[in-house]
Amino acid sequence: MAGYPRTYLLQDAGETIEKKLTLWQQFLDDVWSSLSDTHMWMGVLKVVLRILVILIASRIIRIVVNRVVDNFMNPRASKRLKLRTRRVQTVGKLLKNAATYIINFIVLLLVLNEFNINLAPLLAGAGVIGLAIGFGAQSLVKDVITGFFVILEDHFSVGDVIEVGGKFKGTVEMIGLRATRIRSWTGEVYILPNGNISDVTNYSVNNALAVVDVSVPATENLDHMVEVVKGVAAKFEDTNIVGKAEYLGIQSMNASDVILRLAVLSRPNTQAVVSRHLNAEVKKAFEAAGNPRYYSMEAMERAGS
């Protein structure tokens, strides 16, 4: 009887091993049966083929959409629609990116559907999450929507000189869907959320008028002073001007001075450079005419400050 427990344990261990081997054999048989199932492989092949068709079709659709955007935004179309080149490039990239995101999202849903995944709860959850994000990030949504319309309606482009709200003036370095970066001529960089951009003045769209006020002593001969100023206007040349400089007449006068006004149409955002050049030419003309007592209004303002 002393050896009975040991015999019993050996029999029990043998039965356990035999059961495990039986289960393993059943598992192998099931796997082999599945692998040898023709209907299963036909179903897998159909799923793979449908997924390949979806991917190929999405690729073709993306190429077609990009071609349509490129044709719509080509230089001839932009001239026909009176669109600026930078705006065409920006809007074209934006439309392509939006189309890519939408197509990829639809492809993802179709592929998940091929694996018999129920999309209704997924779409419902995505809708709830999107609604929560919309309520929790209203300022972000406002910035994105405003940025989209800034790009689409061409309020300004990268490289333009603008002034926002009468406070921030400089060159646009970057336009994003959320924020716009502006660099002032003194080096400061302003990053403005698009939702806060209002009352924009764009100095880079149309030609600008450079105006120079010439102050001459009231005791001098007016006709002589006017002839000198008209001579400068007739001969004035600058690479930034559009047309000829004009003498407009007497702007104002007092007991000591008479203000003569000159004006010339210049290229966008070059009026300051043109005004300085015109001031210098008028000064030289007065010196050559023997009347060094000429002062421009800008020089008087600088002397007073």
C-alpha atoms as a PDB file:
ATOM      1  CA  MET A   1       0.000   0.000   0.000  1.00  0.00           C
ATOM      2  CA  ALA A   2       2.954   2.291   0.465  1.00  0.00           C
ATOM      3  CA  GLY A   3       3.481   2.404  -3.290  1.00  0.00           C
ATOM      4  CA  TYR A   4      -0.174   3.146  -4.151  1.00  0.00           C
ATOM      5  CA  PRO A   5      -0.063   6.910  -3.945  1.00  0.00           C
ATOM      6  CA  ARG A   6       2.954   7.024  -6.211  1.00  0.00           C
ATOM      7  CA  THR A   7       1.214   4.797  -8.763  1.00  0.00           C
ATOM      8  CA  TYR A   8      -1.912   6.908  -8.520  1.00  0.00           C
ATOM      9  CA  LEU A   9       0.059  10.083  -9.123  1.00  0.00           C
ATOM     10  CA  LEU A  10       1.769   8.594 -12.163  1.00  0.00           C
ATOM     11  CA  GLN A  11      -1.578   7.530 -13.608  1.00  0.00           C
ATOM     12  CA  ASP A  12      -3.038  10.984 -12.960  1.00  0.00           C
ATOM     13  CA  ALA A  13      -0.035  12.689 -14.606  1.00  0.00           C
ATOM     14  CA  GLY A  14      -0.319  10.373 -17.571  1.00  0.00           C
ATOM     15  CA  GLU A  15      -4.020  11.139 -17.980  1.00  0.00           C
ATOM     16  CA  THR A  16      -3.329  14.895 -17.771  1.00  0.00           C
ATOM     17  CA  ILE A  17      -0.621  14.683 -20.424  1.00  0.00           C
ATOM     18  CA  GLU A  18      -2.880  12.590 -22.594  1.00  0.00           C
ATOM     19  CA  LYS A  19      -5.699  15.183 -22.286  1.00  0.00           C
ATOM     20  CA  LYS A  20      -3.312  18.009 -23.158  1.00  0.00           C
ATOM     21  CA  LEU A  21      -2.048  16.107 -26.163  1.00  0.00           C
ATOM     22  CA  THR A  22      -5.621  15.459 -27.210  1.00  0.00           C
ATOM     23  CA  LEU A  23      -6.519  19.158 -26.891  1.00  0.00           C
ATOM     24  CA  TRP A  24      -3.391  20.159 -28.818  1.00  0.00           C
ATOM     25  CA  GLN A  25      -4.237  17.669 -31.515  1.00  0.00           C
ATOM     26  CA  GLN A  26      -7.767  19.020 -31.715  1.00  0.00           C
ATOM     27  CA  PHE A  27      -6.375  22.554 -31.993  1.00  0.00           C
ATOM     28  CA  LEU A  28      -4.042  21.500 -34.808  1.00  0.00           C
ATOM     29  CA  ASP A  29      -6.894  19.709 -36.529  1.00  0.00           C
ATOM     30  CA  ASP A  30      -9.077  22.828 -36.264  1.00  0.00           C
ATOM     31  CA  VAL A  31      -6.277  25.019 -37.627  1.00  0.00           C
ATOM     32  CA  TRP A  32      -5.616  22.655 -40.479  1.00  0.00           C
ATOM     33  CA  SER A  33      -9.313  22.382 -41.179  1.00  0.00           C
ATOM     34  CA  SER A  34      -9.565  26.189 -41.339  1.00  0.00           C
ATOM     35  CA  LEU A  35      -6.490  26.474 -43.528  1.00  0.00           C
ATOM     36  CA  SER A  36      -7.784  23.825 -45.877  1.00  0.00           C
ATOM     37  CA  ASP A  37     -11.246  25.428 -46.049  1.00  0.00           C
ATOM     38  CA  THR A  38     -11.652  26.658 -49.634  1.00  0.00           C
ATOM     39  CA  HIS A  39     -14.638  28.856 -48.802  1.00  0.00           C
ATOM     40  CA  MET A  40     -12.645  30.656 -46.094  1.00  0.00           C
ATOM     41  CA  TRP A  41      -9.791  31.415 -48.476  1.00  0.00           C
ATOM     42  CA  MET A  42     -12.199  32.601 -51.117  1.00  0.00           C
ATOM     43  CA  GLY A  43     -13.723  34.985 -48.565  1.00  0.00           C
ATOM     44  CA  VAL A  44     -10.263  36.274 -47.563  1.00  0.00           C
ATOM     45  CA  LEU A  45      -9.340  36.719 -51.227  1.00  0.00           C
ATOM     46  CA  LYS A  46     -12.528  38.677 -51.877  1.00  0.00           C
ATOM     47  CA  VAL A  47     -11.843  40.945 -48.871  1.00  0.00           C
ATOM     48  CA  VAL A  48      -8.258  41.561 -49.987  1.00  0.00           C
ATOM     49  CA  LEU A  49      -9.377  42.302 -53.530  1.00  0.00           C
ATOM     50  CA  ARG A  50     -12.052  44.723 -52.318  1.00  0.00           C
ATOM     51  CA  ILE A  51      -9.492  46.511 -50.118  1.00  0.00           C
ATOM     52  CA  LEU A  52      -7.083  46.752 -53.070  1.00  0.00           C
ATOM     53  CA  VAL A  53      -9.867  48.142 -55.230  1.00  0.00           C
ATOM     54  CA  ILE A  54     -10.688  50.716 -52.549  1.00  0.00           C
ATOM     55  CA  LEU A  55      -7.031  51.792 -52.246  1.00  0.00           C
ATOM     56  CA  ILE A  56      -6.539  51.987 -56.017  1.00  0.00           C
ATOM     57  CA  ALA A  57      -9.788  53.899 -56.484  1.00  0.00           C
ATOM     58  CA  SER A  58      -8.851  56.357 -53.718  1.00  0.00           C
ATOM     59  CA  ARG A  59      -5.466  56.907 -55.346  1.00  0.00           C
ATOM     60  CA  ILE A  60      -7.091  57.577 -58.714  1.00  0.00           C
ATOM     61  CA  ILE A  61      -9.637  59.928 -57.162  1.00  0.00           C
ATOM     62  CA  ARG A  62      -6.861  61.826 -55.345  1.00  0.00           C
ATOM     63  CA  ILE A  63      -4.891  62.200 -58.602  1.00  0.00           C
ATOM     64  CA  VAL A  64      -7.998  63.415 -60.436  1.00  0.00           C
ATOM     65  CA  VAL A  65      -8.818  65.926 -57.694  1.00  0.00           C
ATOM     66  CA  ASN A  66      -5.239  67.246 -57.697  1.00  0.00           C
ATOM     67  CA  ARG A  67      -5.325  67.588 -61.491  1.00  0.00           C
ATOM     68  CA  VAL A  68      -8.623  69.474 -61.297  1.00  0.00           C
ATOM     69  CA  VAL A  69      -7.226  71.828 -58.641  1.00  0.00           C
ATOM     70  CA  ASP A  70      -4.039  72.390 -60.665  1.00  0.00           C
ATOM     71  CA  ASN A  71      -6.008  73.125 -63.831  1.00  0.00           C
ATOM     72  CA  PHE A  72      -8.328  75.476 -61.976  1.00  0.00           C
ATOM     73  CA  MET A  73      -5.405  77.251 -60.324  1.00  0.00           C
ATOM     74  CA  ASN A  74      -3.038  77.435 -63.308  1.00  0.00           C
ATOM     75  CA  PRO A  75      -1.706  80.886 -64.386  1.00  0.00           C
ATOM     76  CA  ARG A  76      -4.200  81.216 -67.244  1.00  0.00           C
ATOM     77  CA  ALA A  77      -7.110  80.440 -64.943  1.00  0.00           C
ATOM     78  CA  SER A  78      -5.734  82.828 -62.310  1.00  0.00           C
ATOM     79  CA  LYS A  79      -5.555  85.600 -64.923  1.00  0.00           C
ATOM     80  CA  ARG A  80      -9.065  84.839 -66.023  1.00  0.00           C
ATOM     81  CA  LEU A  81     -10.302  84.918 -62.432  1.00  0.00           C
ATOM     82  CA  LYS A  82      -8.009  87.826 -61.476  1.00  0.00           C
ATOM     83  CA  LEU A  83      -6.269  85.876 -58.707  1.00  0.00           C
ATOM     84  CA  ARG A  84      -2.783  86.667 -57.462  1.00  0.00           C
ATOM     85  CA  THR A  85      -0.085  84.013 -57.856  1.00  0.00           C
ATOM     86  CA  ARG A  86       0.581  83.636 -54.122  1.00  0.00           C
ATOM     87  CA  ARG A  87      -3.118  83.304 -53.421  1.00  0.00           C
ATOM     88  CA  VAL A  88      -3.457  80.667 -56.154  1.00  0.00           C
ATOM     89  CA  GLN A  89      -0.626  78.616 -54.663  1.00  0.00           C
ATOM     90  CA  THR A  90      -1.948  78.916 -51.103  1.00  0.00           C
ATOM     91  CA  VAL A  91      -5.549  78.046 -51.960  1.00  0.00           C
ATOM     92  CA  GLY A  92      -4.405  75.201 -54.220  1.00  0.00           C
ATOM     93  CA  LYS A  93      -2.380  73.573 -51.438  1.00  0.00           C
ATOM     94  CA  LEU A  94      -5.242  74.061 -48.986  1.00  0.00           C
ATOM     95  CA  LEU A  95      -7.762  72.394 -51.320  1.00  0.00           C
ATOM     96  CA  LYS A  96      -5.404  69.485 -52.019  1.00  0.00           C
ATOM     97  CA  ASN A  97      -4.777  68.876 -48.312  1.00  0.00           C
ATOM     98  CA  ALA A  98      -8.488  69.039 -47.503  1.00  0.00           C
ATOM     99  CA  ALA A  99      -9.304  66.583 -50.308  1.00  0.00           C
ATOM    100  CA  THR A 100      -6.561  64.207 -49.131  1.00  0.00           C
ATOM    101  CA  TYR A 101      -7.868  64.187 -45.543  1.00  0.00           C
ATOM    102  CA  ILE A 102     -11.460  63.557 -46.659  1.00  0.00           C
ATOM    103  CA  ILE A 103     -10.505  60.754 -49.061  1.00  0.00           C
ATOM    104  CA  ASN A 104      -8.262  59.039 -46.482  1.00  0.00           C
ATOM    105  CA  PHE A 105     -11.031  59.199 -43.872  1.00  0.00           C
ATOM    106  CA  ILE A 106     -13.543  57.599 -46.253  1.00  0.00           C
ATOM    107  CA  VAL A 107     -11.001  54.911 -47.196  1.00  0.00           C
ATOM    108  CA  LEU A 108     -10.420  54.103 -43.517  1.00  0.00           C
ATOM    109  CA  LEU A 109     -14.158  53.661 -42.952  1.00  0.00           C
ATOM    110  CA  LEU A 110     -14.524  51.414 -46.007  1.00  0.00           C
ATOM    111  CA  VAL A 111     -11.575  49.227 -44.959  1.00  0.00           C
ATOM    112  CA  LEU A 112     -12.947  48.845 -41.435  1.00  0.00           C
ATOM    113  CA  ASN A 113     -16.305  47.885 -42.916  1.00  0.00           C
ATOM    114  CA  GLU A 114     -14.615  45.064 -44.890  1.00  0.00           C
ATOM    115  CA  PHE A 115     -13.533  43.560 -41.559  1.00  0.00           C
ATOM    116  CA  ASN A 116     -17.190  43.566 -40.407  1.00  0.00           C
ATOM    117  CA  ILE A 117     -16.568  46.278 -37.835  1.00  0.00           C
ATOM    118  CA  ASN A 118     -19.762  48.103 -36.893  1.00  0.00           C
ATOM    119  CA  LEU A 119     -19.181  51.730 -37.888  1.00  0.00           C
ATOM    120  CA  ALA A 120     -22.311  53.182 -36.291  1.00  0.00           C
ATOM    121  CA  PRO A 121     -20.886  53.373 -32.717  1.00  0.00           C
ATOM    122  CA  LEU A 122     -17.572  54.652 -34.122  1.00  0.00           C
ATOM    123  CA  LEU A 123     -19.242  57.452 -36.057  1.00  0.00           C
ATOM    124  CA  ALA A 124     -21.493  58.301 -33.129  1.00  0.00           C
ATOM    125  CA  GLY A 125     -18.488  58.476 -30.794  1.00  0.00           C
ATOM    126  CA  ALA A 126     -16.569  60.628 -33.270  1.00  0.00           C
ATOM    127  CA  GLY A 127     -19.568  62.957 -33.511  1.00  0.00           C
ATOM    128  CA  VAL A 128     -19.801  63.302 -29.733  1.00  0.00           C
ATOM    129  CA  ILE A 129     -16.050  63.942 -29.448  1.00  0.00           C
ATOM    130  CA  GLY A 130     -16.201  66.506 -32.250  1.00  0.00           C
ATOM    131  CA  LEU A 131     -19.130  68.264 -30.573  1.00  0.00           C
ATOM    132  CA  ALA A 132     -17.270  68.353 -27.252  1.00  0.00           C
ATOM    133  CA  ILE A 133     -14.156  69.745 -28.926  1.00  0.00           C
ATOM    134  CA  GLY A 134     -16.280  72.338 -30.727  1.00  0.00           C
ATOM    135  CA  PHE A 135     -17.782  73.585 -27.450  1.00  0.00           C
ATOM    136  CA  GLY A 136     -14.505  73.436 -25.554  1.00  0.00           C
ATOM    137  CA  ALA A 137     -12.364  75.129 -28.190  1.00  0.00           C
ATOM    138  CA  GLN A 138     -14.595  77.816 -29.655  1.00  0.00           C
ATOM    139  CA  SER A 139     -11.724  80.283 -29.998  1.00  0.00           C
ATOM    140  CA  LEU A 140      -9.663  77.673 -31.877  1.00  0.00           C
ATOM    141  CA  VAL A 141     -12.558  76.943 -34.237  1.00  0.00           C
ATOM    142  CA  LYS A 142     -13.022  80.686 -34.763  1.00  0.00           C
ATOM    143  CA  ASP A 143      -9.312  81.091 -35.557  1.00  0.00           C
ATOM    144  CA  VAL A 144      -9.384  78.216 -38.052  1.00  0.00           C
ATOM    145  CA  ILE A 145     -12.525  79.433 -39.822  1.00  0.00           C
ATOM    146  CA  THR A 146     -11.206  83.001 -39.997  1.00  0.00           C
ATOM    147  CA  GLY A 147      -7.832  81.782 -41.276  1.00  0.00           C
ATOM    148  CA  PHE A 148      -9.547  79.760 -43.993  1.00  0.00           C
ATOM    149  CA  PHE A 149     -11.477  82.793 -45.236  1.00  0.00           C
ATOM    150  CA  VAL A 150      -8.383  85.022 -44.994  1.00  0.00           C
ATOM    151  CA  ILE A 151      -6.638  82.656 -47.405  1.00  0.00           C
ATOM    152  CA  LEU A 152      -9.679  82.010 -49.600  1.00  0.00           C
ATOM    153  CA  GLU A 153     -10.726  85.660 -49.967  1.00  0.00           C
ATOM    154  CA  ASP A 154      -7.124  86.876 -50.313  1.00  0.00           C
ATOM    155  CA  HIS A 155      -7.190  89.547 -47.608  1.00  0.00           C
ATOM    156  CA  PHE A 156      -3.397  89.470 -47.644  1.00  0.00           C
ATOM    157  CA  SER A 157      -0.563  87.138 -48.644  1.00  0.00           C
ATOM    158  CA  VAL A 158       2.912  86.223 -47.429  1.00  0.00           C
ATOM    159  CA  GLY A 159       5.237  89.134 -48.191  1.00  0.00           C
ATOM    160  CA  ASP A 160       2.542  91.823 -48.004  1.00  0.00           C
ATOM    161  CA  VAL A 161       2.951  94.807 -45.700  1.00  0.00           C
ATOM    162  CA  ILE A 162      -0.199  95.171 -43.607  1.00  0.00           C
ATOM    163  CA  GLU A 163      -1.492  96.990 -40.547  1.00  0.00           C
ATOM    164  CA  VAL A 164      -3.902  95.212 -38.194  1.00  0.00           C
ATOM    165  CA  GLY A 165      -6.252  97.158 -35.986  1.00  0.00           C
ATOM    166  CA  GLY A 166      -4.121 100.277 -36.231  1.00  0.00           C
ATOM    167  CA  LYS A 167      -1.590  98.693 -33.826  1.00  0.00           C
ATOM    168  CA  PHE A 168       0.486  96.079 -35.609  1.00  0.00           C
ATOM    169  CA  LYS A 169       2.235  96.943 -38.868  1.00  0.00           C
ATOM    170  CA  GLY A 170       4.817  94.869 -40.705  1.00  0.00           C
ATOM    171  CA  THR A 171       5.531  92.235 -43.324  1.00  0.00           C
ATOM    172  CA  VAL A 172       3.511  89.014 -43.288  1.00  0.00           C
ATOM    173  CA  GLU A 173       5.893  86.090 -42.751  1.00  0.00           C
ATOM    174  CA  MET A 174       3.422  83.233 -42.318  1.00  0.00           C
ATOM    175  CA  ILE A 175      -0.312  82.662 -42.721  1.00  0.00           C
ATOM    176  CA  GLY A 176      -1.677  79.597 -40.947  1.00  0.00           C
ATOM    177  CA  LEU A 177      -5.183  78.363 -40.281  1.00  0.00           C
ATOM    178  CA  ARG A 178      -4.780  79.301 -36.605  1.00  0.00           C
ATOM    179  CA  ALA A 179      -2.400  82.280 -36.480  1.00  0.00           C
ATOM    180  CA  THR A 180      -0.589  84.829 -38.637  1.00  0.00           C
ATOM    181  CA  ARG A 181       2.993  86.011 -38.043  1.00  0.00           C
ATOM    182  CA  ILE A 182       3.960  89.617 -38.834  1.00  0.00           C
ATOM    183  CA  ARG A 183       7.463  91.128 -38.626  1.00  0.00           C
ATOM    184  CA  SER A 184       7.796  94.877 -38.184  1.00  0.00           C
ATOM    185  CA  TRP A 185      10.514  96.888 -39.938  1.00  0.00           C
ATOM    186  CA  THR A 186      12.334  97.265 -36.583  1.00  0.00           C
ATOM    187  CA  GLY A 187      12.496  93.493 -36.078  1.00  0.00           C
ATOM    188  CA  GLU A 188       9.620  92.752 -33.694  1.00  0.00           C
ATOM    189  CA  VAL A 189       7.556  89.673 -34.526  1.00  0.00           C
ATOM    190  CA  TYR A 190       3.818  89.693 -33.833  1.00  0.00           C
ATOM    191  CA  ILE A 191       1.882  86.418 -33.706  1.00  0.00           C
ATOM    192  CA  LEU A 192      -1.824  87.184 -34.023  1.00  0.00           C
ATOM    193  CA  PRO A 193      -4.641  84.613 -33.715  1.00  0.00           C
ATOM    194  CA  ASN A 194      -6.701  84.799 -36.885  1.00  0.00           C
ATOM    195  CA  GLY A 195      -9.886  85.280 -34.890  1.00  0.00           C
ATOM    196  CA  ASN A 196      -8.499  88.569 -33.533  1.00  0.00           C
ATOM    197  CA  ILE A 197      -7.547  89.999 -36.934  1.00  0.00           C
ATOM    198  CA  SER A 198      -9.842  92.864 -37.924  1.00  0.00           C
ATOM    199  CA  ASP A 199      -9.584  96.192 -39.742  1.00  0.00           C
ATOM    200  CA  VAL A 200      -6.696  95.096 -41.955  1.00  0.00           C
ATOM    201  CA  THR A 201      -4.938  97.692 -44.126  1.00  0.00           C
ATOM    202  CA  ASN A 202      -2.891  96.154 -46.947  1.00  0.00           C
ATOM    203  CA  TYR A 203      -0.152  98.416 -48.323  1.00  0.00           C
ATOM    204  CA  SER A 204       1.068  95.948 -50.959  1.00  0.00           C
ATOM    205  CA  VAL A 205      -1.947  95.658 -53.249  1.00  0.00           C
ATOM    206  CA  ASN A 206      -2.186  98.982 -55.100  1.00  0.00           C
ATOM    207  CA  ASN A 207       0.260 101.697 -56.069  1.00  0.00           C
ATOM    208  CA  ALA A 208       0.912 104.308 -53.373  1.00  0.00           C
ATOM    209  CA  LEU A 209       1.122 108.097 -53.629  1.00  0.00           C
ATOM    210  CA  ALA A 210       4.355 109.664 -52.409  1.00  0.00           C
ATOM    211  CA  VAL A 211       3.661 113.226 -51.235  1.00  0.00           C
ATOM    212  CA  VAL A 212       6.369 115.816 -50.485  1.00  0.00           C
ATOM    213  CA  ASP A 213       5.600 119.189 -48.923  1.00  0.00           C
ATOM    214  CA  VAL A 214       8.248 121.831 -49.668  1.00  0.00           C
ATOM    215  CA  SER A 215       8.533 124.753 -47.277  1.00  0.00           C
ATOM    216  CA  VAL A 216      10.000 127.934 -48.812  1.00  0.00           C
ATOM    217  CA  PRO A 217      10.406 131.356 -47.188  1.00  0.00           C
ATOM    218  CA  ALA A 218       7.481 133.706 -47.837  1.00  0.00           C
ATOM    219  CA  THR A 219       9.944 136.498 -48.636  1.00  0.00           C
ATOM    220  CA  GLU A 220      11.342 134.716 -51.696  1.00  0.00           C
ATOM    221  CA  ASN A 221       9.961 135.138 -55.204  1.00  0.00           C
ATOM    222  CA  LEU A 222       7.096 132.627 -55.451  1.00  0.00           C
ATOM    223  CA  ASP A 223       7.236 132.240 -59.231  1.00  0.00           C
ATOM    224  CA  HIS A 224      10.938 131.411 -59.069  1.00  0.00           C
ATOM    225  CA  MET A 225      10.386 128.829 -56.310  1.00  0.00           C
ATOM    226  CA  VAL A 226       7.529 127.237 -58.251  1.00  0.00           C
ATOM    227  CA  GLU A 227       9.635 127.015 -61.412  1.00  0.00           C
ATOM    228  CA  VAL A 228      12.423 125.257 -59.503  1.00  0.00           C
ATOM    229  CA  VAL A 229       9.981 122.762 -58.010  1.00  0.00           C
ATOM    230  CA  LYS A 230       8.305 122.126 -61.375  1.00  0.00           C
ATOM    231  CA  GLY A 231      11.721 121.537 -62.933  1.00  0.00           C
ATOM    232  CA  VAL A 232      12.511 118.902 -60.330  1.00  0.00           C
ATOM    233  CA  ALA A 233       9.129 117.231 -60.923  1.00  0.00           C
ATOM    234  CA  ALA A 234       9.695 117.113 -64.675  1.00  0.00           C
ATOM    235  CA  LYS A 235      13.173 115.570 -64.419  1.00  0.00           C
ATOM    236  CA  PHE A 236      12.619 113.295 -61.400  1.00  0.00           C
ATOM    237  CA  GLU A 237      13.369 109.609 -62.065  1.00  0.00           C
ATOM    238  CA  ASP A 238      13.264 106.602 -59.776  1.00  0.00           C
ATOM    239  CA  THR A 239      12.943 102.866 -60.363  1.00  0.00           C
ATOM    240  CA  ASN A 240       9.997 102.729 -57.946  1.00  0.00           C
ATOM    241  CA  ILE A 241       7.788 105.389 -59.519  1.00  0.00           C
ATOM    242  CA  VAL A 242       4.872 104.848 -61.875  1.00  0.00           C
ATOM    243  CA  GLY A 243       4.482 107.864 -64.156  1.00  0.00           C
ATOM    244  CA  LYS A 244       5.800 111.383 -63.612  1.00  0.00           C
ATOM    245  CA  ALA A 245       5.989 113.573 -60.521  1.00  0.00           C
ATOM    246  CA  GLU A 246       3.502 116.441 -60.457  1.00  0.00           C
ATOM    247  CA  TYR A 247       3.452 119.858 -58.840  1.00  0.00           C
ATOM    248  CA  LEU A 248       0.042 120.189 -57.173  1.00  0.00           C
ATOM    249  CA  GLY A 249       0.278 123.811 -56.016  1.00  0.00           C
ATOM    250  CA  ILE A 250       0.380 125.747 -52.747  1.00  0.00           C
ATOM    251  CA  GLN A 251      -0.758 123.479 -49.920  1.00  0.00           C
ATOM    252  CA  SER A 252      -0.786 126.149 -47.187  1.00  0.00           C
ATOM    253  CA  MET A 253       0.912 129.384 -46.182  1.00  0.00           C
ATOM    254  CA  ASN A 254       1.558 131.635 -43.183  1.00  0.00           C
ATOM    255  CA  ALA A 255       3.477 134.799 -42.434  1.00  0.00           C
ATOM    256  CA  SER A 256       6.903 133.141 -42.709  1.00  0.00           C
ATOM    257  CA  ASP A 257       6.555 130.138 -45.041  1.00  0.00           C
ATOM    258  CA  VAL A 258       4.747 128.876 -48.119  1.00  0.00           C
ATOM    259  CA  ILE A 259       4.143 125.123 -48.473  1.00  0.00           C
ATOM    260  CA  LEU A 260       4.389 123.743 -52.016  1.00  0.00           C
ATOM    261  CA  ARG A 261       3.199 120.183 -52.608  1.00  0.00           C
ATOM    262  CA  LEU A 262       4.652 117.564 -54.957  1.00  0.00           C
ATOM    263  CA  ALA A 263       3.187 114.119 -55.569  1.00  0.00           C
ATOM    264  CA  VAL A 264       4.232 111.054 -57.545  1.00  0.00           C
ATOM    265  CA  LEU A 265       2.628 107.613 -57.905  1.00  0.00           C
ATOM    266  CA  SER A 266       4.971 104.859 -56.703  1.00  0.00           C
ATOM    267  CA  ARG A 267       4.920 101.106 -56.517  1.00  0.00           C
ATOM    268  CA  PRO A 268       3.245  99.487 -53.509  1.00  0.00           C
ATOM    269  CA  ASN A 269       4.942 100.224 -50.181  1.00  0.00           C
ATOM    270  CA  THR A 270       7.756 102.305 -51.726  1.00  0.00           C
ATOM    271  CA  GLN A 271       6.342 105.782 -51.055  1.00  0.00           C
ATOM    272  CA  ALA A 272       8.759 106.454 -48.171  1.00  0.00           C
ATOM    273  CA  VAL A 273      11.821 105.697 -50.313  1.00  0.00           C
ATOM    274  CA  VAL A 274      10.488 107.798 -53.189  1.00  0.00           C
ATOM    275  CA  SER A 275       9.653 110.707 -50.859  1.00  0.00           C
ATOM    276  CA  ARG A 276      13.190 110.764 -49.463  1.00  0.00           C
ATOM    277  CA  HIS A 277      14.677 110.719 -52.958  1.00  0.00           C
ATOM    278  CA  LEU A 278      12.376 113.517 -54.125  1.00  0.00           C
ATOM    279  CA  ASN A 279      13.241 115.593 -51.052  1.00  0.00           C
ATOM    280  CA  ALA A 280      16.931 115.231 -51.842  1.00  0.00           C
ATOM    281  CA  GLU A 281      16.430 116.267 -55.479  1.00  0.00           C
ATOM    282  CA  VAL A 282      14.440 119.362 -54.496  1.00  0.00           C
ATOM    283  CA  LYS A 283      17.113 120.338 -51.983  1.00  0.00           C
ATOM    284  CA  LYS A 284      19.831 120.019 -54.630  1.00  0.00           C
ATOM    285  CA  ALA A 285      17.762 122.077 -57.087  1.00  0.00           C
ATOM    286  CA  PHE A 286      17.313 124.906 -54.597  1.00  0.00           C
ATOM    287  CA  GLU A 287      21.014 124.877 -53.766  1.00  0.00           C
ATOM    288  CA  ALA A 288      21.841 125.013 -57.477  1.00  0.00           C
ATOM    289  CA  ALA A 289      19.399 127.913 -57.875  1.00  0.00           C
ATOM    290  CA  GLY A 290      21.210 129.848 -55.142  1.00  0.00           C
ATOM    291  CA  ASN A 291      18.569 129.476 -52.435  1.00  0.00           C
ATOM    292  CA  PRO A 292      19.842 127.142 -49.715  1.00  0.00           C
ATOM    293  CA  ARG A 293      17.073 128.214 -47.328  1.00  0.00           C
ATOM    294  CA  TYR A 294      14.751 125.465 -48.553  1.00  0.00           C
ATOM    295  CA  TYR A 295      13.409 123.006 -45.983  1.00  0.00           C
ATOM    296  CA  SER A 296      11.122 120.053 -46.555  1.00  0.00           C
ATOM    297  CA  MET A 297       8.314 119.419 -44.084  1.00  0.00           C
ATOM    298  CA  GLU A 298      10.017 116.160 -43.029  1.00  0.00           C
ATOM    299  CA  ALA A 299      13.227 118.014 -42.250  1.00  0.00           C
ATOM    300  CA  MET A 300      11.317 120.625 -40.222  1.00  0.00           C
ATOM    301  CA  GLU A 301       9.537 117.887 -38.239  1.00  0.00           C
ATOM    302  CA  ARG A 302      12.850 116.134 -37.522  1.00  0.00           C
ATOM    303  CA  ALA A 303      14.427 119.435 -36.424  1.00  0.00           C
ATOM    304  CA  GLY A 304      11.485 120.209 -34.167  1.00  0.00           C
ATOM    305  CA  SER A 305      11.617 116.778 -32.549  1.00  0.00           C
END
